[in-house]
Amino acid sequence: EKFKTLKSEGNSFVKKGKYEEAVNKYSECIKLNPGECTIYTNRALCYLKLCKYEEAKEDCDHVLQIEDSNIKAFYRRALAYKELQVRK
């Protein structure tokens, strides 16, 4: 129950463009249920918006270890890699 509440709070922060707050909610969700892949892909989206590309990549890598065909994780990891390449 607490997990659902935190997830929906995180989602509403994302809609408002409050990515830092959303990351905090999603991180709390992960503590409660570390096996839930959607939370990692949601948090990866926030990290991308915050230009934290390494963190975004790590979240996507984590998802792909659990679900090797997760399209969102592949896509968001590709975006993170692209930005990391630009920075080098």
C-alpha atoms as a PDB file:
ATOM      1  CA  GLU A   1       0.000   0.000   0.000  1.00  0.00           C
ATOM      2  CA  LYS A   2       2.761   2.430   0.969  1.00  0.00           C
ATOM      3  CA  PHE A   3       4.586   1.396  -2.223  1.00  0.00           C
ATOM      4  CA  LYS A   4       1.590   2.342  -4.413  1.00  0.00           C
ATOM      5  CA  THR A   5       1.252   5.689  -2.664  1.00  0.00           C
ATOM      6  CA  LEU A   6       4.943   6.525  -3.095  1.00  0.00           C
ATOM      7  CA  LYS A   7       4.872   5.453  -6.746  1.00  0.00           C
ATOM      8  CA  SER A   8       1.861   7.626  -7.519  1.00  0.00           C
ATOM      9  CA  GLU A   9       3.432  10.588  -5.668  1.00  0.00           C
ATOM     10  CA  GLY A  10       6.588  10.070  -7.752  1.00  0.00           C
ATOM     11  CA  ASN A  11       4.530   9.938 -10.948  1.00  0.00           C
ATOM     12  CA  SER A  12       2.734  13.170 -10.099  1.00  0.00           C
ATOM     13  CA  PHE A  13       6.065  14.902  -9.410  1.00  0.00           C
ATOM     14  CA  VAL A  14       7.248  13.783 -12.857  1.00  0.00           C
ATOM     15  CA  LYS A  15       4.134  15.295 -14.459  1.00  0.00           C
ATOM     16  CA  LYS A  16       4.922  18.589 -12.702  1.00  0.00           C
ATOM     17  CA  GLY A  17       8.559  18.470 -13.822  1.00  0.00           C
ATOM     18  CA  LYS A  18       9.807  18.026 -10.240  1.00  0.00           C
ATOM     19  CA  TYR A  19      12.338  15.322 -11.071  1.00  0.00           C
ATOM     20  CA  GLU A  20      14.472  15.603  -7.943  1.00  0.00           C
ATOM     21  CA  GLU A  21      11.390  15.010  -5.744  1.00  0.00           C
ATOM     22  CA  ALA A  22      10.295  12.138  -7.985  1.00  0.00           C
ATOM     23  CA  VAL A  23      13.727  10.484  -7.660  1.00  0.00           C
ATOM     24  CA  ASN A  24      13.333  10.588  -3.861  1.00  0.00           C
ATOM     25  CA  LYS A  25       9.894   8.922  -4.020  1.00  0.00           C
ATOM     26  CA  TYR A  26      11.078   6.251  -6.461  1.00  0.00           C
ATOM     27  CA  SER A  27      14.146   5.554  -4.323  1.00  0.00           C
ATOM     28  CA  GLU A  28      11.853   4.972  -1.331  1.00  0.00           C
ATOM     29  CA  CYS A  29       9.788   2.603  -3.494  1.00  0.00           C
ATOM     30  CA  ILE A  30      12.935   0.640  -4.382  1.00  0.00           C
ATOM     31  CA  LYS A  31      13.712   0.169  -0.668  1.00  0.00           C
ATOM     32  CA  LEU A  32      10.240  -1.358  -0.219  1.00  0.00           C
ATOM     33  CA  ASN A  33      10.230  -3.470  -3.383  1.00  0.00           C
ATOM     34  CA  PRO A  34      13.634  -3.750  -5.103  1.00  0.00           C
ATOM     35  CA  GLY A  35      12.308  -6.185  -7.715  1.00  0.00           C
ATOM     36  CA  GLU A  36       9.860  -3.756  -9.351  1.00  0.00           C
ATOM     37  CA  CYS A  37      11.369  -2.810 -12.736  1.00  0.00           C
ATOM     38  CA  THR A  38       9.017   0.072 -13.574  1.00  0.00           C
ATOM     39  CA  ILE A  39      10.350   2.071 -10.633  1.00  0.00           C
ATOM     40  CA  TYR A  40      13.896   1.847 -12.002  1.00  0.00           C
ATOM     41  CA  THR A  41      12.832   2.923 -15.508  1.00  0.00           C
ATOM     42  CA  ASN A  42      10.808   5.793 -14.005  1.00  0.00           C
ATOM     43  CA  ARG A  43      13.777   6.883 -11.932  1.00  0.00           C
ATOM     44  CA  ALA A  44      16.043   6.569 -14.982  1.00  0.00           C
ATOM     45  CA  LEU A  45      13.755   9.005 -16.815  1.00  0.00           C
ATOM     46  CA  CYS A  46      14.171  11.490 -13.964  1.00  0.00           C
ATOM     47  CA  TYR A  47      17.943  11.056 -13.977  1.00  0.00           C
ATOM     48  CA  LEU A  48      17.976  11.761 -17.717  1.00  0.00           C
ATOM     49  CA  LYS A  49      15.994  14.959 -17.151  1.00  0.00           C
ATOM     50  CA  LEU A  50      18.447  15.935 -14.391  1.00  0.00           C
ATOM     51  CA  CYS A  51      21.459  15.226 -16.673  1.00  0.00           C
ATOM     52  CA  LYS A  52      22.595  12.414 -14.343  1.00  0.00           C
ATOM     53  CA  TYR A  53      23.381  10.059 -17.197  1.00  0.00           C
ATOM     54  CA  GLU A  54      25.567   7.597 -15.299  1.00  0.00           C
ATOM     55  CA  GLU A  55      22.787   7.032 -12.712  1.00  0.00           C
ATOM     56  CA  ALA A  56      20.226   6.616 -15.497  1.00  0.00           C
ATOM     57  CA  LYS A  57      22.427   4.027 -17.186  1.00  0.00           C
ATOM     58  CA  GLU A  58      22.895   2.120 -13.918  1.00  0.00           C
ATOM     59  CA  ASP A  59      19.124   1.944 -13.298  1.00  0.00           C
ATOM     60  CA  CYS A  60      18.563   0.680 -16.845  1.00  0.00           C
ATOM     61  CA  ASP A  61      21.373  -1.878 -16.513  1.00  0.00           C
ATOM     62  CA  HIS A  62      19.716  -3.134 -13.337  1.00  0.00           C
ATOM     63  CA  VAL A  63      16.341  -3.556 -15.079  1.00  0.00           C
ATOM     64  CA  LEU A  64      17.923  -5.365 -18.024  1.00  0.00           C
ATOM     65  CA  GLN A  65      19.556  -7.886 -15.674  1.00  0.00           C
ATOM     66  CA  ILE A  66      16.066  -8.782 -14.422  1.00  0.00           C
ATOM     67  CA  GLU A  67      14.043  -8.248 -17.624  1.00  0.00           C
ATOM     68  CA  ASP A  68      16.312  -8.558 -20.651  1.00  0.00           C
ATOM     69  CA  SER A  69      13.635  -7.378 -23.088  1.00  0.00           C
ATOM     70  CA  ASN A  70      12.452  -4.228 -21.296  1.00  0.00           C
ATOM     71  CA  ILE A  71      12.064  -1.701 -24.118  1.00  0.00           C
ATOM     72  CA  LYS A  72      11.955   1.389 -21.869  1.00  0.00           C
ATOM     73  CA  ALA A  73      15.185   0.326 -20.184  1.00  0.00           C
ATOM     74  CA  PHE A  74      16.917  -0.183 -23.553  1.00  0.00           C
ATOM     75  CA  TYR A  75      15.669   3.151 -24.851  1.00  0.00           C
ATOM     76  CA  ARG A  76      16.560   5.166 -21.767  1.00  0.00           C
ATOM     77  CA  ARG A  77      19.951   3.471 -21.497  1.00  0.00           C
ATOM     78  CA  ALA A  78      20.625   4.403 -25.129  1.00  0.00           C
ATOM     79  CA  LEU A  79      19.767   8.042 -24.350  1.00  0.00           C
ATOM     80  CA  ALA A  80      22.111   7.958 -21.356  1.00  0.00           C
ATOM     81  CA  TYR A  81      24.940   6.408 -23.418  1.00  0.00           C
ATOM     82  CA  LYS A  82      24.442   9.029 -26.110  1.00  0.00           C
ATOM     83  CA  GLU A  83      24.851  11.850 -23.579  1.00  0.00           C
ATOM     84  CA  LEU A  84      27.814  10.152 -21.899  1.00  0.00           C
ATOM     85  CA  GLN A  85      29.538   9.909 -25.310  1.00  0.00           C
ATOM     86  CA  VAL A  86      28.906  13.585 -25.995  1.00  0.00           C
ATOM     87  CA  ARG A  87      30.525  14.496 -22.675  1.00  0.00           C
ATOM     88  CA  LYS A  88      33.754  12.544 -23.349  1.00  0.00           C
END
